[in-house]
Amino acid sequence: MDATIVTAIISLVGSFFVVAVTYWFTKQREREAGWRKEKLAYYKAFVESLSGTVEGDSTPDGQRAFAKACNNLLLFAPQPVIEALDAFR
């Protein structure tokens, strides 16, 4: 084969590889951003539910909201957060 053809083929394959890797990393970052956004919503719900468990303001609905928020945190929170939540409860 001619050297120019080999060079063109290598360039073509390299271009496809770069495009594929860039697409993969972009999708990975998008997934991570979505996951962080979802976790933030759960943490916000947990902090809001704490007001329903304060002595004097405690209501059955507040207790249910707190229990639901705790259950949601158990799905994705790292181990130190789970241990702190258990110690709090």
Protein backbone atom coordinates (compact mmCIF):
# COMPACT_ATOMS: atom_id res chain seq x y z
CA MET A 1 0.00 0.00 0.00
CA ASP A 2 0.96 3.53 -0.59
CA ALA A 3 2.13 5.52 2.46
CA THR A 4 -0.54 8.20 1.94
CA ILE A 5 -3.32 5.60 2.04
CA VAL A 6 -1.94 4.08 5.26
CA THR A 7 -1.68 7.55 6.78
CA ALA A 8 -5.26 8.37 5.78
CA ILE A 9 -6.57 5.11 7.26
CA ILE A 10 -4.69 5.68 10.52
CA SER A 11 -6.04 9.24 10.68
CA LEU A 12 -9.58 8.03 10.04
CA VAL A 13 -9.39 5.35 12.72
CA GLY A 14 -7.80 7.79 15.15
CA SER A 15 -10.54 10.34 14.52
CA PHE A 16 -13.27 7.79 15.18
CA PHE A 17 -11.50 6.70 18.34
CA VAL A 18 -11.22 10.28 19.62
CA VAL A 19 -14.90 10.93 18.85
CA ALA A 20 -15.98 7.74 20.61
CA VAL A 21 -13.89 8.41 23.72
CA THR A 22 -15.07 12.02 23.89
CA TYR A 23 -18.70 10.91 23.60
CA TRP A 24 -18.23 8.28 26.31
CA PHE A 25 -16.61 10.74 28.75
CA THR A 26 -19.31 13.35 28.07
CA LYS A 27 -22.09 10.86 28.74
CA GLN A 28 -20.34 9.70 31.91
CA ARG A 29 -20.11 13.30 33.18
CA GLU A 30 -23.79 13.86 32.35
CA ARG A 31 -24.79 10.74 34.29
CA GLU A 32 -22.69 11.80 37.27
CA ALA A 33 -24.20 15.30 37.21
CA GLY A 34 -27.70 13.83 37.13
CA TRP A 35 -26.87 11.52 40.01
CA ARG A 36 -25.46 14.42 42.07
CA LYS A 37 -28.60 16.45 41.36
CA GLU A 38 -30.83 13.58 42.50
CA LYS A 39 -28.78 13.04 45.65
CA LEU A 40 -28.96 16.75 46.45
CA ALA A 41 -32.76 16.61 46.25
CA TYR A 42 -32.79 13.69 48.71
CA TYR A 43 -30.45 15.49 51.11
CA LYS A 44 -32.64 18.61 50.94
CA ALA A 45 -35.73 16.53 51.70
CA PHE A 46 -33.92 14.99 54.66
CA VAL A 47 -32.92 18.36 56.10
CA GLU A 48 -36.45 19.66 55.62
CA SER A 49 -37.89 16.58 57.34
CA LEU A 50 -35.77 17.25 60.43
CA SER A 51 -38.09 20.09 61.41
CA GLY A 52 -40.93 17.57 61.75
CA THR A 53 -39.04 15.67 64.43
CA VAL A 54 -38.03 18.54 66.72
CA GLU A 55 -39.47 18.23 70.20
CA GLY A 56 -42.47 20.48 70.51
CA ASP A 57 -43.05 20.60 66.74
CA SER A 58 -43.12 16.85 66.22
CA THR A 59 -46.13 15.59 64.31
CA PRO A 60 -47.03 12.14 62.95
CA ASP A 61 -46.71 13.50 59.40
CA GLY A 62 -43.32 14.94 60.27
CA GLN A 63 -42.20 11.61 61.67
CA ARG A 64 -43.35 9.85 58.48
CA ALA A 65 -41.52 12.38 56.31
CA PHE A 66 -38.38 11.88 58.39
CA ALA A 67 -38.61 8.10 58.14
CA LYS A 68 -39.09 8.32 54.36
CA ALA A 69 -36.14 10.70 54.01
CA CYS A 70 -33.96 8.36 56.11
CA ASN A 71 -34.94 5.41 53.93
CA ASN A 72 -34.04 7.36 50.80
CA LEU A 73 -30.64 8.25 52.25
CA LEU A 74 -29.94 4.61 53.00
CA LEU A 75 -30.16 3.86 49.29
CA PHE A 76 -27.13 5.87 48.21
CA ALA A 77 -25.37 7.50 51.16
CA PRO A 78 -21.79 6.53 51.94
CA GLN A 79 -21.11 4.43 55.01
CA PRO A 80 -20.03 7.33 57.30
CA VAL A 81 -23.33 9.13 56.59
CA ILE A 82 -25.32 5.98 57.33
CA GLU A 83 -23.43 5.50 60.60
CA ALA A 84 -24.05 9.14 61.59
CA LEU A 85 -27.73 8.78 60.75
CA ASP A 86 -27.98 5.63 62.88
CA ALA A 87 -26.26 7.43 65.76
CA PHE A 88 -28.68 10.37 65.39
CA ARG A 89 -31.74 8.14 65.40
